[in-house]
PDB file of N, CA and C in Angstrom:
ATOM      1  N   UNK A   1      28.038  36.863  -0.658  1.00  0.00           N
ATOM      2  CA  UNK A   1      28.803  36.514  -1.840  1.00  0.00           C
ATOM      3  C   UNK A   1      29.925  37.533  -2.022  1.00  0.00           C
ATOM      4  N   UNK A   2      31.051  37.023  -2.419  1.00  0.00           N
ATOM      5  CA  UNK A   2      32.200  37.857  -2.727  1.00  0.00           C
ATOM      6  C   UNK A   2      32.711  37.415  -4.083  1.00  0.00           C
ATOM      7  N   UNK A   3      32.886  38.343  -5.006  1.00  0.00           N
ATOM      8  CA  UNK A   3      33.376  37.997  -6.344  1.00  0.00           C
ATOM      9  C   UNK A   3      32.540  36.902  -6.994  1.00  0.00           C
ATOM     10  N   UNK A   4      31.217  36.939  -6.777  1.00  0.00           N
ATOM     11  CA  UNK A   4      30.288  35.961  -7.353  1.00  0.00           C
ATOM     12  C   UNK A   4      30.537  34.551  -6.849  1.00  0.00           C
ATOM     13  N   UNK A   5      31.133  34.434  -5.661  1.00  0.00           N
ATOM     14  CA  UNK A   5      31.339  33.123  -5.044  1.00  0.00           C
ATOM     15  C   UNK A   5      30.657  33.108  -3.691  1.00  0.00           C
ATOM     16  N   UNK A   6      30.233  31.942  -3.269  1.00  0.00           N
ATOM     17  CA  UNK A   6      29.683  31.766  -1.933  1.00  0.00           C
ATOM     18  C   UNK A   6      30.828  31.279  -1.058  1.00  0.00           C
ATOM     19  N   UNK A   7      31.086  31.997   0.022  1.00  0.00           N
ATOM     20  CA  UNK A   7      32.189  31.633   0.897  1.00  0.00           C
ATOM     21  C   UNK A   7      31.665  30.849   2.093  1.00  0.00           C
ATOM     22  N   UNK A   8      32.332  29.753   2.404  1.00  0.00           N
ATOM     23  CA  UNK A   8      31.956  28.916   3.531  1.00  0.00           C
ATOM     24  C   UNK A   8      32.349  27.484   3.257  1.00  0.00           C
ATOM     25  N   UNK A   9      32.112  26.612   4.252  1.00  0.00           N
ATOM     26  CA  UNK A   9      32.461  25.205   4.029  1.00  0.00           C
ATOM     27  C   UNK A   9      31.467  24.579   3.053  1.00  0.00           C
ATOM     28  N   UNK A  10      31.754  23.362   2.638  1.00  0.00           N
ATOM     29  CA  UNK A  10      30.960  22.706   1.598  1.00  0.00           C
ATOM     30  C   UNK A  10      29.492  22.572   1.979  1.00  0.00           C
ATOM     31  N   UNK A  11      29.226  22.231   3.249  1.00  0.00           N
ATOM     32  CA  UNK A  11      27.846  22.087   3.700  1.00  0.00           C
ATOM     33  C   UNK A  11      27.073  23.390   3.621  1.00  0.00           C
ATOM     34  N   UNK A  12      27.715  24.481   4.023  1.00  0.00           N
ATOM     35  CA  UNK A  12      27.083  25.798   3.963  1.00  0.00           C
ATOM     36  C   UNK A  12      26.784  26.192   2.523  1.00  0.00           C
ATOM     37  N   UNK A  13      27.752  25.985   1.653  1.00  0.00           N
ATOM     38  CA  UNK A  13      27.570  26.338   0.243  1.00  0.00           C
ATOM     39  C   UNK A  13      26.400  25.556  -0.349  1.00  0.00           C
ATOM     40  N   UNK A  14      26.340  24.251  -0.069  1.00  0.00           N
ATOM     41  CA  UNK A  14      25.236  23.426  -0.581  1.00  0.00           C
ATOM     42  C   UNK A  14      23.890  23.936  -0.057  1.00  0.00           C
ATOM     43  N   UNK A  15      23.846  24.261   1.241  1.00  0.00           N
ATOM     44  CA  UNK A  15      22.604  24.732   1.829  1.00  0.00           C
ATOM     45  C   UNK A  15      22.130  26.029   1.167  1.00  0.00           C
ATOM     46  N   UNK A  16      23.055  26.973   0.964  1.00  0.00           N
ATOM     47  CA  UNK A  16      22.720  28.233   0.300  1.00  0.00           C
ATOM     48  C   UNK A  16      22.219  27.960  -1.110  1.00  0.00           C
ATOM     49  N   UNK A  17      22.889  27.056  -1.805  1.00  0.00           N
ATOM     50  CA  UNK A  17      22.513  26.767  -3.184  1.00  0.00           C
ATOM     51  C   UNK A  17      21.127  26.134  -3.255  1.00  0.00           C
ATOM     52  N   UNK A  18      20.830  25.244  -2.325  1.00  0.00           N
ATOM     53  CA  UNK A  18      19.511  24.609  -2.305  1.00  0.00           C
ATOM     54  C   UNK A  18      18.435  25.643  -1.997  1.00  0.00           C
ATOM     55  N   UNK A  19      18.692  26.471  -1.001  1.00  0.00           N
ATOM     56  CA  UNK A  19      17.700  27.475  -0.595  1.00  0.00           C
ATOM     57  C   UNK A  19      17.444  28.519  -1.674  1.00  0.00           C
ATOM     58  N   UNK A  20      18.465  28.856  -2.440  1.00  0.00           N
ATOM     59  CA  UNK A  20      18.298  29.877  -3.472  1.00  0.00           C
ATOM     60  C   UNK A  20      17.873  29.282  -4.807  1.00  0.00           C
ATOM     61  N   UNK A  21      17.822  27.960  -4.874  1.00  0.00           N
ATOM     62  CA  UNK A  21      17.425  27.313  -6.118  1.00  0.00           C
ATOM     63  C   UNK A  21      18.498  27.371  -7.186  1.00  0.00           C
ATOM     64  N   UNK A  22      19.724  27.573  -6.780  1.00  0.00           N
ATOM     65  CA  UNK A  22      20.816  27.658  -7.756  1.00  0.00           C
ATOM     66  C   UNK A  22      21.818  26.544  -7.517  1.00  0.00           C
ATOM     67  N   UNK A  23      21.326  25.335  -7.517  1.00  0.00           N
ATOM     68  CA  UNK A  23      22.177  24.188  -7.243  1.00  0.00           C
ATOM     69  C   UNK A  23      23.020  23.859  -8.465  1.00  0.00           C
ATOM     70  N   UNK A  24      23.881  24.773  -8.835  1.00  0.00           N
ATOM     71  CA  UNK A  24      24.774  24.611  -9.979  1.00  0.00           C
ATOM     72  C   UNK A  24      26.176  24.441  -9.429  1.00  0.00           C
ATOM     73  N   UNK A  25      26.735  23.248  -9.538  1.00  0.00           N
ATOM     74  CA  UNK A  25      27.998  22.973  -8.875  1.00  0.00           C
ATOM     75  C   UNK A  25      29.073  22.566  -9.870  1.00  0.00           C
ATOM     76  N   UNK A  26      29.103  23.205 -11.005  1.00  0.00           N
ATOM     77  CA  UNK A  26      30.097  22.860 -12.007  1.00  0.00           C
ATOM     78  C   UNK A  26      31.524  23.040 -11.507  1.00  0.00           C
ATOM     79  N   UNK A  27      31.741  23.989 -10.607  1.00  0.00           N
ATOM     80  CA  UNK A  27      33.080  24.247 -10.104  1.00  0.00           C
ATOM     81  C   UNK A  27      33.496  23.315  -8.981  1.00  0.00           C
ATOM     82  N   UNK A  28      32.668  22.393  -8.636  1.00  0.00           N
ATOM     83  CA  UNK A  28      32.918  21.475  -7.527  1.00  0.00           C
ATOM     84  C   UNK A  28      34.131  20.593  -7.798  1.00  0.00           C
ATOM     85  N   UNK A  29      34.706  20.082  -6.733  1.00  0.00           N
ATOM     86  CA  UNK A  29      35.904  19.254  -6.883  1.00  0.00           C
ATOM     87  C   UNK A  29      35.601  18.041  -7.764  1.00  0.00           C
ATOM     88  N   UNK A  30      36.575  17.655  -8.514  1.00  0.00           N
ATOM     89  CA  UNK A  30      36.448  16.551  -9.468  1.00  0.00           C
ATOM     90  C   UNK A  30      36.016  15.271  -8.770  1.00  0.00           C
ATOM     91  N   UNK A  31      35.017  14.645  -9.326  1.00  0.00           N
ATOM     92  CA  UNK A  31      34.534  13.340  -8.897  1.00  0.00           C
ATOM     93  C   UNK A  31      34.114  13.318  -7.430  1.00  0.00           C
ATOM     94  N   UNK A  32      33.294  14.286  -7.039  1.00  0.00           N
ATOM     95  CA  UNK A  32      32.780  14.318  -5.677  1.00  0.00           C
ATOM     96  C   UNK A  32      31.977  13.070  -5.334  1.00  0.00           C
ATOM     97  N   UNK A  33      31.422  12.407  -6.346  1.00  0.00           N
ATOM     98  CA  UNK A  33      30.665  11.173  -6.170  1.00  0.00           C
ATOM     99  C   UNK A  33      31.048  10.220  -7.286  1.00  0.00           C
ATOM    100  N   UNK A  34      30.980   8.938  -7.003  1.00  0.00           N
ATOM    101  CA  UNK A  34      31.268   7.931  -8.017  1.00  0.00           C
ATOM    102  C   UNK A  34      30.112   7.799  -8.999  1.00  0.00           C
ATOM    103  N   UNK A  35      30.399   7.256 -10.171  1.00  0.00           N
ATOM    104  CA  UNK A  35      29.350   7.071 -11.175  1.00  0.00           C
ATOM    105  C   UNK A  35      28.248   6.138 -10.682  1.00  0.00           C
ATOM    106  N   UNK A  36      28.599   5.156  -9.864  1.00  0.00           N
ATOM    107  CA  UNK A  36      27.578   4.257  -9.314  1.00  0.00           C
ATOM    108  C   UNK A  36      26.661   4.986  -8.352  1.00  0.00           C
ATOM    109  N   UNK A  37      27.225   5.899  -7.552  1.00  0.00           N
ATOM    110  CA  UNK A  37      26.403   6.695  -6.637  1.00  0.00           C
ATOM    111  C   UNK A  37      25.465   7.607  -7.423  1.00  0.00           C
ATOM    112  N   UNK A  38      25.989   8.203  -8.477  1.00  0.00           N
ATOM    113  CA  UNK A  38      25.166   9.072  -9.316  1.00  0.00           C
ATOM    114  C   UNK A  38      24.040   8.259  -9.943  1.00  0.00           C
ATOM    115  N   UNK A  39      24.358   7.059 -10.434  1.00  0.00           N
ATOM    116  CA  UNK A  39      23.341   6.199 -11.047  1.00  0.00           C
ATOM    117  C   UNK A  39      22.254   5.827 -10.039  1.00  0.00           C
ATOM    118  N   UNK A  40      22.651   5.598  -8.794  1.00  0.00           N
ATOM    119  CA  UNK A  40      21.669   5.264  -7.750  1.00  0.00           C
ATOM    120  C   UNK A  40      20.716   6.433  -7.521  1.00  0.00           C
ATOM    121  N   UNK A  41      21.260   7.656  -7.477  1.00  0.00           N
ATOM    122  CA  UNK A  41      20.415   8.842  -7.293  1.00  0.00           C
ATOM    123  C   UNK A  41      19.509   9.054  -8.503  1.00  0.00           C
ATOM    124  N   UNK A  42      20.032   8.811  -9.707  1.00  0.00           N
ATOM    125  CA  UNK A  42      19.227   8.925 -10.923  1.00  0.00           C
ATOM    126  C   UNK A  42      18.070   7.920 -10.870  1.00  0.00           C
ATOM    127  N   UNK A  43      18.349   6.731 -10.382  1.00  0.00           N
ATOM    128  CA  UNK A  43      17.294   5.720 -10.272  1.00  0.00           C
ATOM    129  C   UNK A  43      16.179   6.204  -9.342  1.00  0.00           C
ATOM    130  N   UNK A  44      16.550   6.808  -8.223  1.00  0.00           N
ATOM    131  CA  UNK A  44      15.537   7.286  -7.280  1.00  0.00           C
ATOM    132  C   UNK A  44      14.724   8.447  -7.854  1.00  0.00           C
ATOM    133  N   UNK A  45      15.375   9.302  -8.630  1.00  0.00           N
ATOM    134  CA  UNK A  45      14.693  10.477  -9.181  1.00  0.00           C
ATOM    135  C   UNK A  45      13.903  10.128 -10.436  1.00  0.00           C
ATOM    136  N   UNK A  46      14.502   9.329 -11.323  1.00  0.00           N
ATOM    137  CA  UNK A  46      13.882   9.054 -12.630  1.00  0.00           C
ATOM    138  C   UNK A  46      13.208   7.693 -12.711  1.00  0.00           C
ATOM    139  N   UNK A  47      13.458   6.817 -11.737  1.00  0.00           N
ATOM    140  CA  UNK A  47      12.828   5.508 -11.739  1.00  0.00           C
ATOM    141  C   UNK A  47      13.431   4.521 -12.716  1.00  0.00           C
ATOM    142  N   UNK A  48      14.676   4.775 -13.141  1.00  0.00           N
ATOM    143  CA  UNK A  48      15.347   3.900 -14.097  1.00  0.00           C
ATOM    144  C   UNK A  48      16.725   3.547 -13.539  1.00  0.00           C
ATOM    145  N   UNK A  49      16.969   2.246 -13.329  1.00  0.00           N
ATOM    146  CA  UNK A  49      18.215   1.795 -12.753  1.00  0.00           C
ATOM    147  C   UNK A  49      19.341   1.684 -13.766  1.00  0.00           C
ATOM    148  N   UNK A  50      20.550   1.487 -13.258  1.00  0.00           N
ATOM    149  CA  UNK A  50      21.729   1.406 -14.106  1.00  0.00           C
ATOM    150  C   UNK A  50      21.629   0.267 -15.115  1.00  0.00           C
ATOM    151  N   UNK A  51      21.097  -0.862 -14.704  1.00  0.00           N
ATOM    152  CA  UNK A  51      20.953  -1.993 -15.627  1.00  0.00           C
ATOM    153  C   UNK A  51      20.083  -1.583 -16.815  1.00  0.00           C
ATOM    154  N   UNK A  52      18.999  -0.883 -16.537  1.00  0.00           N
ATOM    155  CA  UNK A  52      18.101  -0.431 -17.604  1.00  0.00           C
ATOM    156  C   UNK A  52      18.775   0.630 -18.473  1.00  0.00           C
ATOM    157  N   UNK A  53      19.524   1.547 -17.831  1.00  0.00           N
ATOM    158  CA  UNK A  53      20.201   2.599 -18.590  1.00  0.00           C
ATOM    159  C   UNK A  53      21.211   2.021 -19.571  1.00  0.00           C
ATOM    160  N   UNK A  54      21.778   0.888 -19.227  1.00  0.00           N
ATOM    161  CA  UNK A  54      22.786   0.250 -20.086  1.00  0.00           C
ATOM    162  C   UNK A  54      22.162  -0.580 -21.209  1.00  0.00           C
ATOM    163  N   UNK A  55      20.904  -0.950 -21.067  1.00  0.00           N
ATOM    164  CA  UNK A  55      20.249  -1.765 -22.085  1.00  0.00           C
ATOM    165  C   UNK A  55      19.952  -0.947 -23.335  1.00  0.00           C
ATOM    166  N   UNK A  56      19.712  -1.672 -24.413  1.00  0.00           N
ATOM    167  CA  UNK A  56      19.258  -1.005 -25.633  1.00  0.00           C
ATOM    168  C   UNK A  56      17.812  -0.619 -25.431  1.00  0.00           C
ATOM    169  N   UNK A  57      17.434   0.429 -26.065  1.00  0.00           N
ATOM    170  CA  UNK A  57      16.048   0.868 -25.966  1.00  0.00           C
ATOM    171  C   UNK A  57      15.959   2.361 -26.102  1.00  0.00           C
ATOM    172  N   UNK A  58      14.821   2.798 -26.610  1.00  0.00           N
ATOM    173  CA  UNK A  58      14.625   4.224 -26.839  1.00  0.00           C
ATOM    174  C   UNK A  58      13.398   4.739 -26.117  1.00  0.00           C
ATOM    175  N   UNK A  59      12.987   4.039 -25.091  1.00  0.00           N
ATOM    176  CA  UNK A  59      11.868   4.483 -24.281  1.00  0.00           C
ATOM    177  C   UNK A  59      12.192   5.854 -23.692  1.00  0.00           C
ATOM    178  N   UNK A  60      11.199   6.727 -23.607  1.00  0.00           N
ATOM    179  CA  UNK A  60      11.428   8.100 -23.123  1.00  0.00           C
ATOM    180  C   UNK A  60      12.026   8.125 -21.722  1.00  0.00           C
ATOM    181  N   UNK A  61      11.598   7.222 -20.847  1.00  0.00           N
ATOM    182  CA  UNK A  61      12.143   7.216 -19.483  1.00  0.00           C
ATOM    183  C   UNK A  61      13.618   6.826 -19.488  1.00  0.00           C
ATOM    184  N   UNK A  62      14.008   5.926 -20.396  1.00  0.00           N
ATOM    185  CA  UNK A  62      15.424   5.554 -20.519  1.00  0.00           C
ATOM    186  C   UNK A  62      16.253   6.723 -21.032  1.00  0.00           C
ATOM    187  N   UNK A  63      15.742   7.400 -22.054  1.00  0.00           N
ATOM    188  CA  UNK A  63      16.464   8.550 -22.606  1.00  0.00           C
ATOM    189  C   UNK A  63      16.619   9.641 -21.560  1.00  0.00           C
ATOM    190  N   UNK A  64      15.560   9.892 -20.832  1.00  0.00           N
ATOM    191  CA  UNK A  64      15.601  10.917 -19.792  1.00  0.00           C
ATOM    192  C   UNK A  64      16.632  10.539 -18.722  1.00  0.00           C
ATOM    193  N   UNK A  65      16.606   9.303 -18.272  1.00  0.00           N
ATOM    194  CA  UNK A  65      17.564   8.841 -17.264  1.00  0.00           C
ATOM    195  C   UNK A  65      18.999   8.956 -17.736  1.00  0.00           C
ATOM    196  N   UNK A  66      19.243   8.592 -18.986  1.00  0.00           N
ATOM    197  CA  UNK A  66      20.601   8.698 -19.536  1.00  0.00           C
ATOM    198  C   UNK A  66      21.053  10.149 -19.626  1.00  0.00           C
ATOM    199  N   UNK A  67      20.162  11.019 -20.033  1.00  0.00           N
ATOM    200  CA  UNK A  67      20.509  12.447 -20.133  1.00  0.00           C
ATOM    201  C   UNK A  67      20.815  13.030 -18.759  1.00  0.00           C
ATOM    202  N   UNK A  68      19.964  12.733 -17.793  1.00  0.00           N
ATOM    203  CA  UNK A  68      20.174  13.244 -16.436  1.00  0.00           C
ATOM    204  C   UNK A  68      21.479  12.693 -15.871  1.00  0.00           C
ATOM    205  N   UNK A  69      21.712  11.412 -16.047  1.00  0.00           N
ATOM    206  CA  UNK A  69      22.959  10.789 -15.580  1.00  0.00           C
ATOM    207  C   UNK A  69      24.165  11.474 -16.216  1.00  0.00           C
ATOM    208  N   UNK A  70      24.096  11.719 -17.505  1.00  0.00           N
ATOM    209  CA  UNK A  70      25.210  12.338 -18.231  1.00  0.00           C
ATOM    210  C   UNK A  70      25.491  13.745 -17.733  1.00  0.00           C
ATOM    211  N   UNK A  71      24.440  14.535 -17.556  1.00  0.00           N
ATOM    212  CA  UNK A  71      24.613  15.922 -17.112  1.00  0.00           C
ATOM    213  C   UNK A  71      25.195  15.966 -15.706  1.00  0.00           C
ATOM    214  N   UNK A  72      24.648  15.175 -14.800  1.00  0.00           N
ATOM    215  CA  UNK A  72      25.134  15.183 -13.420  1.00  0.00           C
ATOM    216  C   UNK A  72      26.587  14.714 -13.369  1.00  0.00           C
ATOM    217  N   UNK A  73      26.891  13.638 -14.071  1.00  0.00           N
ATOM    218  CA  UNK A  73      28.268  13.130 -14.069  1.00  0.00           C
ATOM    219  C   UNK A  73      29.237  14.170 -14.632  1.00  0.00           C
ATOM    220  N   UNK A  74      28.831  14.850 -15.682  1.00  0.00           N
ATOM    221  CA  UNK A  74      29.671  15.893 -16.276  1.00  0.00           C
ATOM    222  C   UNK A  74      29.909  17.017 -15.269  1.00  0.00           C
ATOM    223  N   UNK A  75      28.878  17.381 -14.535  1.00  0.00           N
ATOM    224  CA  UNK A  75      29.005  18.449 -13.548  1.00  0.00           C
ATOM    225  C   UNK A  75      29.917  18.061 -12.387  1.00  0.00           C
ATOM    226  N   UNK A  76      30.100  16.767 -12.177  1.00  0.00           N
ATOM    227  CA  UNK A  76      31.038  16.302 -11.158  1.00  0.00           C
ATOM    228  C   UNK A  76      32.411  16.000 -11.748  1.00  0.00           C
ATOM    229  N   UNK A  77      32.653  16.451 -12.964  1.00  0.00           N
ATOM    230  CA  UNK A  77      33.987  16.378 -13.530  1.00  0.00           C
ATOM    231  C   UNK A  77      34.304  15.158 -14.368  1.00  0.00           C
ATOM    232  N   UNK A  78      33.333  14.291 -14.593  1.00  0.00           N
ATOM    233  CA  UNK A  78      33.592  13.125 -15.432  1.00  0.00           C
ATOM    234  C   UNK A  78      33.635  13.543 -16.895  1.00  0.00           C
ATOM    235  N   UNK A  79      34.503  12.928 -17.625  1.00  0.00           N
ATOM    236  CA  UNK A  79      34.624  13.211 -19.057  1.00  0.00           C
ATOM    237  C   UNK A  79      33.610  12.366 -19.818  1.00  0.00           C
ATOM    238  N   UNK A  80      33.285  12.842 -21.012  1.00  0.00           N
ATOM    239  CA  UNK A  80      32.295  12.152 -21.833  1.00  0.00           C
ATOM    240  C   UNK A  80      32.608  10.690 -22.054  1.00  0.00           C
ATOM    241  N   UNK A  81      33.871  10.379 -22.304  1.00  0.00           N
ATOM    242  CA  UNK A  81      34.223   8.968 -22.563  1.00  0.00           C
ATOM    243  C   UNK A  81      34.074   8.120 -21.302  1.00  0.00           C
ATOM    244  N   UNK A  82      34.269   8.705 -20.108  1.00  0.00           N
ATOM    245  CA  UNK A  82      34.075   7.956 -18.862  1.00  0.00           C
ATOM    246  C   UNK A  82      32.593   7.651 -18.643  1.00  0.00           C
ATOM    247  N   UNK A  83      31.768   8.634 -18.922  1.00  0.00           N
ATOM    248  CA  UNK A  83      30.314   8.450 -18.784  1.00  0.00           C
ATOM    249  C   UNK A  83      29.835   7.417 -19.799  1.00  0.00           C
ATOM    250  N   UNK A  84      30.327   7.543 -21.030  1.00  0.00           N
ATOM    251  CA  UNK A  84      29.948   6.603 -22.093  1.00  0.00           C
ATOM    252  C   UNK A  84      30.319   5.174 -21.721  1.00  0.00           C
ATOM    253  N   UNK A  85      31.504   5.005 -21.185  1.00  0.00           N
ATOM    254  CA  UNK A  85      31.962   3.668 -20.792  1.00  0.00           C
ATOM    255  C   UNK A  85      31.072   3.102 -19.692  1.00  0.00           C
ATOM    256  N   UNK A  86      30.701   3.934 -18.738  1.00  0.00           N
ATOM    257  CA  UNK A  86      29.865   3.473 -17.628  1.00  0.00           C
ATOM    258  C   UNK A  86      28.454   3.101 -18.089  1.00  0.00           C
ATOM    259  N   UNK A  87      27.934   3.839 -19.071  1.00  0.00           N
ATOM    260  CA  UNK A  87      26.585   3.574 -19.573  1.00  0.00           C
ATOM    261  C   UNK A  87      26.566   2.629 -20.775  1.00  0.00           C
ATOM    262  N   UNK A  88      27.743   2.194 -21.195  1.00  0.00           N
ATOM    263  CA  UNK A  88      27.878   1.311 -22.361  1.00  0.00           C
ATOM    264  C   UNK A  88      27.308   1.980 -23.607  1.00  0.00           C
ATOM    265  N   UNK A  89      27.675   3.228 -23.812  1.00  0.00           N
ATOM    266  CA  UNK A  89      27.220   4.010 -24.953  1.00  0.00           C
ATOM    267  C   UNK A  89      28.408   4.565 -25.711  1.00  0.00           C
ATOM    268  N   UNK A  90      28.163   4.998 -26.928  1.00  0.00           N
ATOM    269  CA  UNK A  90      29.181   5.669 -27.727  1.00  0.00           C
ATOM    270  C   UNK A  90      29.366   7.086 -27.176  1.00  0.00           C
ATOM    271  N   UNK A  91      30.598   7.582 -27.087  1.00  0.00           N
ATOM    272  CA  UNK A  91      30.819   8.945 -26.573  1.00  0.00           C
ATOM    273  C   UNK A  91      30.044  10.028 -27.332  1.00  0.00           C
ATOM    274  N   UNK A  92      29.807   9.835 -28.620  1.00  0.00           N
ATOM    275  CA  UNK A  92      29.056  10.840 -29.379  1.00  0.00           C
ATOM    276  C   UNK A  92      27.620  10.951 -28.882  1.00  0.00           C
ATOM    277  N   UNK A  93      27.070   9.866 -28.373  1.00  0.00           N
ATOM    278  CA  UNK A  93      25.714   9.883 -27.832  1.00  0.00           C
ATOM    279  C   UNK A  93      25.688  10.712 -26.541  1.00  0.00           C
ATOM    280  N   UNK A  94      26.721  10.574 -25.730  1.00  0.00           N
ATOM    281  CA  UNK A  94      26.815  11.336 -24.487  1.00  0.00           C
ATOM    282  C   UNK A  94      26.888  12.832 -24.806  1.00  0.00           C
ATOM    283  N   UNK A  95      27.654  13.181 -25.828  1.00  0.00           N
ATOM    284  CA  UNK A  95      27.748  14.582 -26.245  1.00  0.00           C
ATOM    285  C   UNK A  95      26.362  15.116 -26.603  1.00  0.00           C
ATOM    286  N   UNK A  96      25.587  14.332 -27.301  1.00  0.00           N
ATOM    287  CA  UNK A  96      24.223  14.736 -27.678  1.00  0.00           C
ATOM    288  C   UNK A  96      23.348  14.883 -26.430  1.00  0.00           C
ATOM    289  N   UNK A  97      23.473  13.930 -25.498  1.00  0.00           N
ATOM    290  CA  UNK A  97      22.706  14.012 -24.255  1.00  0.00           C
ATOM    291  C   UNK A  97      23.021  15.301 -23.510  1.00  0.00           C
ATOM    292  N   UNK A  98      24.290  15.662 -23.467  1.00  0.00           N
ATOM    293  CA  UNK A  98      24.702  16.857 -22.736  1.00  0.00           C
ATOM    294  C   UNK A  98      24.130  18.128 -23.365  1.00  0.00           C
ATOM    295  N   UNK A  99      24.033  18.145 -24.683  1.00  0.00           N
ATOM    296  CA  UNK A  99      23.466  19.312 -25.374  1.00  0.00           C
ATOM    297  C   UNK A  99      21.986  19.472 -25.061  1.00  0.00           C
ATOM    298  N   UNK A 100      21.308  18.361 -24.806  1.00  0.00           N
ATOM    299  CA  UNK A 100      19.871  18.387 -24.540  1.00  0.00           C
ATOM    300  C   UNK A 100      19.568  18.431 -23.044  1.00  0.00           C
ATOM    301  N   UNK A 101      20.592  18.462 -22.226  1.00  0.00           N
ATOM    302  CA  UNK A 101      20.425  18.339 -20.784  1.00  0.00           C
ATOM    303  C   UNK A 101      19.677  19.455 -20.105  1.00  0.00           C
ATOM    304  N   UNK A 102      19.669  20.645 -20.667  1.00  0.00           N
ATOM    305  CA  UNK A 102      19.003  21.793 -20.044  1.00  0.00           C
ATOM    306  C   UNK A 102      17.504  21.541 -19.836  1.00  0.00           C
ATOM    307  N   UNK A 103      16.926  20.698 -20.668  1.00  0.00           N
ATOM    308  CA  UNK A 103      15.494  20.385 -20.548  1.00  0.00           C
ATOM    309  C   UNK A 103      15.160  19.660 -19.254  1.00  0.00           C
ATOM    310  N   UNK A 104      16.180  19.083 -18.614  1.00  0.00           N
ATOM    311  CA  UNK A 104      15.960  18.250 -17.431  1.00  0.00           C
ATOM    312  C   UNK A 104      16.563  18.863 -16.177  1.00  0.00           C
ATOM    313  N   UNK A 105      16.554  20.198 -16.137  1.00  0.00           N
ATOM    314  CA  UNK A 105      17.185  20.918 -15.032  1.00  0.00           C
ATOM    315  C   UNK A 105      16.603  20.505 -13.675  1.00  0.00           C
ATOM    316  N   UNK A 106      15.293  20.363 -13.601  1.00  0.00           N
ATOM    317  CA  UNK A 106      14.652  19.976 -12.338  1.00  0.00           C
ATOM    318  C   UNK A 106      15.123  18.622 -11.849  1.00  0.00           C
ATOM    319  N   UNK A 107      15.188  17.654 -12.743  1.00  0.00           N
ATOM    320  CA  UNK A 107      15.638  16.321 -12.373  1.00  0.00           C
ATOM    321  C   UNK A 107      17.114  16.340 -11.980  1.00  0.00           C
ATOM    322  N   UNK A 108      17.918  17.121 -12.702  1.00  0.00           N
ATOM    323  CA  UNK A 108      19.352  17.224 -12.393  1.00  0.00           C
ATOM    324  C   UNK A 108      19.526  17.787 -10.987  1.00  0.00           C
ATOM    325  N   UNK A 109      18.780  18.824 -10.653  1.00  0.00           N
ATOM    326  CA  UNK A 109      18.870  19.408  -9.314  1.00  0.00           C
ATOM    327  C   UNK A 109      18.414  18.415  -8.254  1.00  0.00           C
ATOM    328  N   UNK A 110      17.400  17.622  -8.557  1.00  0.00           N
ATOM    329  CA  UNK A 110      16.929  16.604  -7.617  1.00  0.00           C
ATOM    330  C   UNK A 110      17.996  15.547  -7.372  1.00  0.00           C
ATOM    331  N   UNK A 111      18.714  15.166  -8.424  1.00  0.00           N
ATOM    332  CA  UNK A 111      19.796  14.181  -8.266  1.00  0.00           C
ATOM    333  C   UNK A 111      20.899  14.770  -7.393  1.00  0.00           C
ATOM    334  N   UNK A 112      21.258  16.036  -7.616  1.00  0.00           N
ATOM    335  CA  UNK A 112      22.268  16.679  -6.780  1.00  0.00           C
ATOM    336  C   UNK A 112      21.832  16.686  -5.315  1.00  0.00           C
ATOM    337  N   UNK A 113      20.574  17.015  -5.068  1.00  0.00           N
ATOM    338  CA  UNK A 113      20.053  17.035  -3.701  1.00  0.00           C
ATOM    339  C   UNK A 113      20.099  15.638  -3.089  1.00  0.00           C
ATOM    340  N   UNK A 114      19.754  14.632  -3.875  1.00  0.00           N
ATOM    341  CA  UNK A 114      19.789  13.252  -3.402  1.00  0.00           C
ATOM    342  C   UNK A 114      21.223  12.855  -3.021  1.00  0.00           C
ATOM    343  N   UNK A 115      22.179  13.209  -3.863  1.00  0.00           N
ATOM    344  CA  UNK A 115      23.582  12.914  -3.569  1.00  0.00           C
ATOM    345  C   UNK A 115      24.029  13.617  -2.298  1.00  0.00           C
ATOM    346  N   UNK A 116      23.591  14.844  -2.125  1.00  0.00           N
ATOM    347  CA  UNK A 116      23.914  15.591  -0.910  1.00  0.00           C
ATOM    348  C   UNK A 116      23.339  14.875   0.312  1.00  0.00           C
ATOM    349  N   UNK A 117      22.121  14.355   0.185  1.00  0.00           N
ATOM    350  CA  UNK A 117      21.508  13.599   1.286  1.00  0.00           C
ATOM    351  C   UNK A 117      22.309  12.348   1.598  1.00  0.00           C
ATOM    352  N   UNK A 118      22.813  11.658   0.564  1.00  0.00           N
ATOM    353  CA  UNK A 118      23.637  10.469   0.796  1.00  0.00           C
ATOM    354  C   UNK A 118      24.851  10.843   1.628  1.00  0.00           C
ATOM    355  N   UNK A 119      25.470  11.973   1.295  1.00  0.00           N
ATOM    356  CA  UNK A 119      26.664  12.423   2.033  1.00  0.00           C
ATOM    357  C   UNK A 119      26.329  12.673   3.492  1.00  0.00           C
ATOM    358  N   UNK A 120      25.188  13.294   3.738  1.00  0.00           N
ATOM    359  CA  UNK A 120      24.788  13.591   5.116  1.00  0.00           C
ATOM    360  C   UNK A 120      24.485  12.326   5.901  1.00  0.00           C
ATOM    361  N   UNK A 121      23.981  11.292   5.234  1.00  0.00           N
ATOM    362  CA  UNK A 121      23.669  10.022   5.904  1.00  0.00           C
ATOM    363  C   UNK A 121      24.944   9.312   6.349  1.00  0.00           C
ATOM    364  N   UNK A 122      26.027   9.512   5.621  1.00  0.00           N
ATOM    365  CA  UNK A 122      27.281   8.818   5.914  1.00  0.00           C
ATOM    366  C   UNK A 122      28.171   9.587   6.884  1.00  0.00           C
ATOM    367  N   UNK A 123      27.715  10.749   7.334  1.00  0.00           N
ATOM    368  CA  UNK A 123      28.525  11.556   8.243  1.00  0.00           C
ATOM    369  C   UNK A 123      28.275  11.174   9.659  1.00  0.00           C
TER     370      UNK A 123
END
């Protein structure tokens, strides 16, 4: 590390982050993955698909999926209103989800890892 940064190509940086358990990629390039790709990874990790995330309902699994989706999308540079539009939610709800997102750190990291795996499959 130099100046608190990991130096290397994107694959190396991801590998170091996974191995050290610090898969925090807030500084990553804007929109590294599409919202649909993120939703697919959220479905695999949380068991709730995009259709369900868009439906009305307050089931705990739906809330968890929406929060994880919101946090991951935000970390890839999406704005709250873009996430809200994709999930068919009010932007103020997304803001609330983001504030509560720390509780789902494990799931968020799993979604990031899943997205990384998708990238490796397409190479």
